[in-house]
Amino acid sequence: MRYDELLGFWKWMYRVNPFTYVVEGTMTNEMHGLTIEVRLPSARLSLPPPRSSRPSSALTRSVTRPQCTPRELRVFNPPAEQTCAEWAGAFIDASTGYLTNPTATSACECA
């Protein structure tokens, strides 16, 4: 997460925490000049679909997908002639995020 994306308190906490500077210095020295290869998992973890009928037990709860606020979404434009799902579908399938407008051809929103 970039510094400008942090909320008010966390910006202050980022600057006041001495551990920030230890990690920053160590990572800069150790990672300089390295090529980092990222491999995405082949399977996507997903939540079970919601149940159609409400359980009778008061202790049972249903699982729902979290919904991001507009501030948490990232907007990008796919290449010409492609939808958001066509361009970012493989990445979304390999991660835990989602597209809010998979059929759009511009201003794609993902979380």
N, C-alpha and C. Protein backbone atom coordinates (compact mmCIF):
# COMPACT_ATOMS: atom_id res chain seq x y z
N MET A 1 0.85 -1.17 0.00
CA MET A 1 0.00 0.00 0.00
C MET A 1 0.90 1.23 0.00
N ARG A 2 0.58 2.18 -0.85
CA ARG A 2 1.36 3.41 -0.92
C ARG A 2 1.00 4.35 0.22
N TYR A 3 1.94 5.20 0.60
CA TYR A 3 1.74 6.15 1.69
C TYR A 3 0.53 7.04 1.45
N ASP A 4 0.32 7.50 0.22
CA ASP A 4 -0.80 8.40 -0.06
C ASP A 4 -2.16 7.70 0.00
N GLU A 5 -2.17 6.38 0.08
CA GLU A 5 -3.43 5.63 0.20
C GLU A 5 -3.81 5.37 1.66
N LEU A 6 -2.90 5.64 2.59
CA LEU A 6 -3.19 5.40 4.00
C LEU A 6 -4.18 6.43 4.52
N LEU A 7 -5.00 6.02 5.48
CA LEU A 7 -5.94 6.93 6.12
C LEU A 7 -5.19 7.73 7.19
N GLY A 8 -5.77 8.85 7.64
CA GLY A 8 -5.14 9.81 8.52
C GLY A 8 -4.29 9.26 9.65
N PHE A 9 -4.87 8.45 10.53
CA PHE A 9 -4.13 7.92 11.67
C PHE A 9 -2.94 7.08 11.22
N TRP A 10 -3.11 6.30 10.18
CA TRP A 10 -2.05 5.40 9.75
C TRP A 10 -0.89 6.14 9.10
N LYS A 11 -1.17 7.31 8.51
CA LYS A 11 -0.06 8.14 8.00
C LYS A 11 0.81 8.60 9.16
N TRP A 12 0.20 9.02 10.24
CA TRP A 12 0.94 9.43 11.42
C TRP A 12 1.69 8.24 12.01
N MET A 13 1.02 7.11 12.09
CA MET A 13 1.63 5.90 12.67
C MET A 13 2.81 5.43 11.82
N TYR A 14 2.70 5.56 10.53
CA TYR A 14 3.77 5.17 9.62
C TYR A 14 5.04 5.98 9.92
N ARG A 15 4.90 7.27 10.12
CA ARG A 15 6.05 8.14 10.36
C ARG A 15 6.62 8.00 11.78
N VAL A 16 5.78 7.76 12.76
CA VAL A 16 6.25 7.73 14.15
C VAL A 16 6.84 6.35 14.54
N ASN A 17 6.54 5.32 13.79
CA ASN A 17 6.99 3.97 14.11
C ASN A 17 8.45 3.77 13.66
N PRO A 18 9.38 3.55 14.60
CA PRO A 18 10.78 3.37 14.20
C PRO A 18 11.00 2.11 13.35
N PHE A 19 10.13 1.13 13.47
CA PHE A 19 10.26 -0.10 12.70
C PHE A 19 10.15 0.18 11.20
N THR A 20 9.40 1.23 10.84
CA THR A 20 9.28 1.62 9.43
C THR A 20 10.65 1.87 8.82
N TYR A 21 11.49 2.59 9.52
CA TYR A 21 12.79 2.96 9.00
C TYR A 21 13.76 1.78 8.99
N VAL A 22 13.64 0.87 9.95
CA VAL A 22 14.48 -0.33 9.97
C VAL A 22 14.16 -1.20 8.76
N VAL A 23 12.89 -1.44 8.52
CA VAL A 23 12.48 -2.27 7.39
C VAL A 23 12.85 -1.59 6.07
N GLU A 24 12.60 -0.29 5.97
CA GLU A 24 12.90 0.44 4.75
C GLU A 24 14.39 0.36 4.40
N GLY A 25 15.25 0.58 5.39
CA GLY A 25 16.69 0.51 5.16
C GLY A 25 17.17 -0.88 4.81
N THR A 26 16.66 -1.88 5.53
CA THR A 26 17.05 -3.26 5.28
C THR A 26 16.59 -3.73 3.90
N MET A 27 15.35 -3.45 3.56
CA MET A 27 14.82 -3.89 2.27
C MET A 27 15.54 -3.19 1.12
N THR A 28 15.86 -1.92 1.28
CA THR A 28 16.56 -1.19 0.22
C THR A 28 17.92 -1.82 -0.05
N ASN A 29 18.65 -2.13 1.01
CA ASN A 29 19.99 -2.72 0.85
C ASN A 29 19.93 -4.14 0.31
N GLU A 30 19.03 -4.95 0.83
CA GLU A 30 18.98 -6.36 0.47
C GLU A 30 18.34 -6.63 -0.89
N MET A 31 17.39 -5.80 -1.28
CA MET A 31 16.65 -6.06 -2.51
C MET A 31 17.18 -5.29 -3.72
N HIS A 32 18.13 -4.42 -3.54
CA HIS A 32 18.65 -3.60 -4.64
C HIS A 32 19.20 -4.48 -5.76
N GLY A 33 18.72 -4.26 -6.96
CA GLY A 33 19.24 -4.97 -8.13
C GLY A 33 18.68 -6.37 -8.33
N LEU A 34 17.80 -6.85 -7.48
CA LEU A 34 17.25 -8.20 -7.62
C LEU A 34 16.04 -8.18 -8.55
N THR A 35 15.87 -9.25 -9.29
CA THR A 35 14.68 -9.45 -10.09
C THR A 35 13.72 -10.30 -9.29
N ILE A 36 12.51 -9.83 -9.11
CA ILE A 36 11.53 -10.55 -8.30
C ILE A 36 10.50 -11.16 -9.23
N GLU A 37 10.33 -12.46 -9.13
CA GLU A 37 9.36 -13.18 -9.95
C GLU A 37 8.16 -13.53 -9.08
N VAL A 38 6.97 -13.16 -9.54
CA VAL A 38 5.75 -13.43 -8.80
C VAL A 38 5.00 -14.54 -9.50
N ARG A 39 4.68 -15.57 -8.78
CA ARG A 39 3.90 -16.68 -9.32
C ARG A 39 2.55 -16.71 -8.64
N LEU A 40 1.50 -16.64 -9.43
CA LEU A 40 0.16 -16.65 -8.88
C LEU A 40 -0.31 -18.09 -8.71
N PRO A 41 -1.07 -18.36 -7.65
CA PRO A 41 -1.59 -19.71 -7.46
C PRO A 41 -2.56 -20.08 -8.59
N SER A 42 -2.60 -21.36 -8.92
CA SER A 42 -3.46 -21.79 -10.03
C SER A 42 -4.92 -21.92 -9.61
N ALA A 43 -5.16 -22.12 -8.34
CA ALA A 43 -6.54 -22.30 -7.88
C ALA A 43 -6.97 -21.06 -7.12
N ARG A 44 -8.23 -20.70 -7.25
CA ARG A 44 -8.77 -19.54 -6.55
C ARG A 44 -9.57 -20.01 -5.35
N LEU A 45 -9.31 -19.40 -4.22
CA LEU A 45 -10.09 -19.70 -3.03
C LEU A 45 -11.40 -18.92 -3.14
N SER A 46 -12.49 -19.56 -2.85
CA SER A 46 -13.76 -18.86 -2.96
C SER A 46 -14.65 -19.21 -1.77
N LEU A 47 -15.57 -18.33 -1.50
CA LEU A 47 -16.52 -18.56 -0.43
C LEU A 47 -17.66 -19.43 -0.94
N PRO A 48 -18.25 -20.23 -0.06
CA PRO A 48 -19.39 -21.04 -0.51
C PRO A 48 -20.57 -20.15 -0.87
N PRO A 49 -21.42 -20.61 -1.78
CA PRO A 49 -22.58 -19.79 -2.14
C PRO A 49 -23.53 -19.66 -0.95
N PRO A 50 -24.26 -18.54 -0.85
CA PRO A 50 -25.18 -18.38 0.26
C PRO A 50 -26.30 -19.42 0.21
N ARG A 51 -26.79 -19.80 1.36
CA ARG A 51 -27.86 -20.80 1.43
C ARG A 51 -29.18 -20.17 1.03
N SER A 52 -30.01 -20.97 0.37
CA SER A 52 -31.29 -20.45 -0.09
C SER A 52 -32.31 -20.34 1.05
N SER A 53 -32.21 -21.21 2.04
CA SER A 53 -33.14 -21.13 3.17
C SER A 53 -32.38 -20.75 4.43
N ARG A 54 -33.01 -20.01 5.28
CA ARG A 54 -32.39 -19.54 6.52
C ARG A 54 -32.32 -20.68 7.53
N PRO A 55 -31.16 -20.94 8.16
CA PRO A 55 -31.05 -22.02 9.13
C PRO A 55 -31.89 -21.71 10.36
N SER A 56 -32.36 -22.75 11.01
CA SER A 56 -33.22 -22.58 12.18
C SER A 56 -32.41 -22.28 13.43
N SER A 57 -31.16 -22.69 13.48
CA SER A 57 -30.34 -22.46 14.66
C SER A 57 -29.93 -21.00 14.76
N ALA A 58 -30.04 -20.42 15.96
CA ALA A 58 -29.65 -19.02 16.17
C ALA A 58 -28.14 -18.87 16.17
N LEU A 59 -27.39 -19.95 16.37
CA LEU A 59 -25.94 -19.89 16.43
C LEU A 59 -25.29 -20.00 15.05
N THR A 60 -26.04 -20.36 14.05
CA THR A 60 -25.51 -20.51 12.70
C THR A 60 -25.57 -19.17 11.99
N ARG A 61 -24.50 -18.83 11.28
CA ARG A 61 -24.50 -17.58 10.52
C ARG A 61 -24.14 -17.87 9.08
N SER A 62 -24.63 -17.05 8.18
CA SER A 62 -24.33 -17.25 6.77
C SER A 62 -23.07 -16.48 6.39
N VAL A 63 -22.38 -16.95 5.35
CA VAL A 63 -21.16 -16.32 4.87
C VAL A 63 -21.53 -15.42 3.70
N THR A 64 -21.11 -14.15 3.77
CA THR A 64 -21.36 -13.23 2.67
C THR A 64 -20.03 -12.65 2.19
N ARG A 65 -20.00 -12.30 0.93
CA ARG A 65 -18.80 -11.67 0.37
C ARG A 65 -18.72 -10.23 0.84
N PRO A 66 -17.55 -9.78 1.24
CA PRO A 66 -17.41 -8.38 1.62
C PRO A 66 -17.50 -7.49 0.38
N GLN A 67 -18.07 -6.33 0.54
CA GLN A 67 -18.18 -5.37 -0.56
C GLN A 67 -17.28 -4.18 -0.24
N CYS A 68 -16.47 -3.77 -1.18
CA CYS A 68 -15.56 -2.65 -0.98
C CYS A 68 -16.28 -1.33 -1.22
N THR A 69 -15.81 -0.30 -0.55
CA THR A 69 -16.34 1.04 -0.77
C THR A 69 -15.70 1.60 -2.04
N PRO A 70 -16.29 2.63 -2.64
CA PRO A 70 -15.70 3.21 -3.86
C PRO A 70 -14.26 3.67 -3.65
N ARG A 71 -13.90 4.10 -2.46
CA ARG A 71 -12.54 4.54 -2.19
C ARG A 71 -11.53 3.39 -2.26
N GLU A 72 -11.98 2.19 -1.99
CA GLU A 72 -11.08 1.02 -1.98
C GLU A 72 -10.91 0.40 -3.37
N LEU A 73 -11.71 0.79 -4.34
CA LEU A 73 -11.64 0.22 -5.67
C LEU A 73 -10.50 0.84 -6.47
N ARG A 74 -9.93 0.08 -7.38
CA ARG A 74 -8.91 0.57 -8.29
C ARG A 74 -9.52 0.62 -9.68
N VAL A 75 -9.29 1.70 -10.40
CA VAL A 75 -9.86 1.89 -11.75
C VAL A 75 -8.74 1.78 -12.77
N PHE A 76 -8.99 1.03 -13.84
CA PHE A 76 -8.02 0.89 -14.92
C PHE A 76 -8.76 0.76 -16.24
N ASN A 77 -8.06 0.97 -17.33
CA ASN A 77 -8.64 0.83 -18.67
C ASN A 77 -7.98 -0.35 -19.39
N PRO A 78 -8.78 -1.30 -19.89
CA PRO A 78 -8.20 -2.42 -20.63
C PRO A 78 -7.78 -1.97 -22.03
N PRO A 79 -6.99 -2.79 -22.73
CA PRO A 79 -6.64 -2.47 -24.12
C PRO A 79 -7.90 -2.38 -24.99
N ALA A 80 -7.78 -1.70 -26.11
CA ALA A 80 -8.91 -1.52 -27.02
C ALA A 80 -9.51 -2.86 -27.43
N GLU A 81 -10.81 -2.88 -27.61
CA GLU A 81 -11.55 -4.07 -28.07
C GLU A 81 -11.63 -5.18 -27.03
N GLN A 82 -11.31 -4.92 -25.77
CA GLN A 82 -11.39 -5.95 -24.72
C GLN A 82 -12.24 -5.45 -23.57
N THR A 83 -12.95 -6.38 -22.94
CA THR A 83 -13.71 -6.03 -21.74
C THR A 83 -12.81 -6.17 -20.52
N CYS A 84 -13.30 -5.71 -19.40
CA CYS A 84 -12.52 -5.81 -18.16
C CYS A 84 -12.23 -7.28 -17.83
N ALA A 85 -13.23 -8.14 -17.98
CA ALA A 85 -13.05 -9.55 -17.66
C ALA A 85 -12.10 -10.25 -18.62
N GLU A 86 -12.13 -9.88 -19.89
CA GLU A 86 -11.22 -10.49 -20.86
C GLU A 86 -9.76 -10.13 -20.55
N TRP A 87 -9.54 -8.88 -20.14
CA TRP A 87 -8.18 -8.44 -19.92
C TRP A 87 -7.65 -8.83 -18.54
N ALA A 88 -8.47 -8.68 -17.49
CA ALA A 88 -8.00 -8.94 -16.13
C ALA A 88 -8.57 -10.21 -15.53
N GLY A 89 -9.32 -10.97 -16.31
CA GLY A 89 -9.98 -12.17 -15.78
C GLY A 89 -9.04 -13.19 -15.16
N ALA A 90 -7.93 -13.48 -15.82
CA ALA A 90 -6.99 -14.49 -15.29
C ALA A 90 -6.38 -14.03 -13.97
N PHE A 91 -6.06 -12.75 -13.89
CA PHE A 91 -5.50 -12.22 -12.64
C PHE A 91 -6.53 -12.28 -11.52
N ILE A 92 -7.76 -11.87 -11.81
CA ILE A 92 -8.81 -11.88 -10.80
C ILE A 92 -9.11 -13.31 -10.34
N ASP A 93 -9.11 -14.26 -11.27
CA ASP A 93 -9.35 -15.65 -10.91
C ASP A 93 -8.26 -16.21 -10.00
N ALA A 94 -7.04 -15.72 -10.15
CA ALA A 94 -5.92 -16.21 -9.35
C ALA A 94 -5.78 -15.46 -8.03
N SER A 95 -6.53 -14.39 -7.84
CA SER A 95 -6.43 -13.61 -6.61
C SER A 95 -7.75 -13.66 -5.85
N THR A 96 -7.82 -12.90 -4.79
CA THR A 96 -9.05 -12.90 -3.99
C THR A 96 -9.93 -11.69 -4.29
N GLY A 97 -9.60 -10.93 -5.33
CA GLY A 97 -10.37 -9.74 -5.67
C GLY A 97 -11.56 -10.04 -6.55
N TYR A 98 -12.21 -8.98 -7.01
CA TYR A 98 -13.34 -9.12 -7.91
C TYR A 98 -13.47 -7.87 -8.78
N LEU A 99 -14.16 -8.01 -9.90
CA LEU A 99 -14.46 -6.89 -10.78
C LEU A 99 -15.90 -6.45 -10.53
N THR A 100 -16.12 -5.14 -10.42
CA THR A 100 -17.49 -4.67 -10.23
C THR A 100 -18.23 -4.53 -11.55
N ASN A 101 -17.49 -4.35 -12.64
CA ASN A 101 -18.11 -4.18 -13.96
C ASN A 101 -17.35 -5.00 -15.01
N PRO A 102 -17.48 -6.32 -15.00
CA PRO A 102 -16.70 -7.18 -15.88
C PRO A 102 -16.97 -7.00 -17.37
N THR A 103 -18.13 -6.48 -17.75
CA THR A 103 -18.44 -6.35 -19.18
C THR A 103 -18.11 -4.97 -19.73
N ALA A 104 -17.62 -4.07 -18.89
CA ALA A 104 -17.27 -2.72 -19.35
C ALA A 104 -16.02 -2.76 -20.21
N THR A 105 -15.86 -1.77 -21.07
CA THR A 105 -14.67 -1.69 -21.92
C THR A 105 -13.77 -0.52 -21.53
N SER A 106 -14.15 0.23 -20.49
CA SER A 106 -13.31 1.30 -19.95
C SER A 106 -13.70 1.52 -18.50
N ALA A 107 -12.84 2.18 -17.77
CA ALA A 107 -13.06 2.48 -16.34
C ALA A 107 -13.43 1.24 -15.56
N CYS A 108 -12.63 0.19 -15.71
CA CYS A 108 -12.86 -1.06 -14.97
C CYS A 108 -12.57 -0.82 -13.49
N GLU A 109 -13.40 -1.38 -12.63
CA GLU A 109 -13.21 -1.25 -11.20
C GLU A 109 -12.95 -2.61 -10.60
N CYS A 110 -11.85 -2.72 -9.85
CA CYS A 110 -11.55 -3.99 -9.20
C CYS A 110 -11.18 -3.75 -7.76
N ALA A 111 -11.40 -4.77 -6.96
CA ALA A 111 -11.04 -4.74 -5.55
C ALA A 111 -10.30 -6.00 -5.20
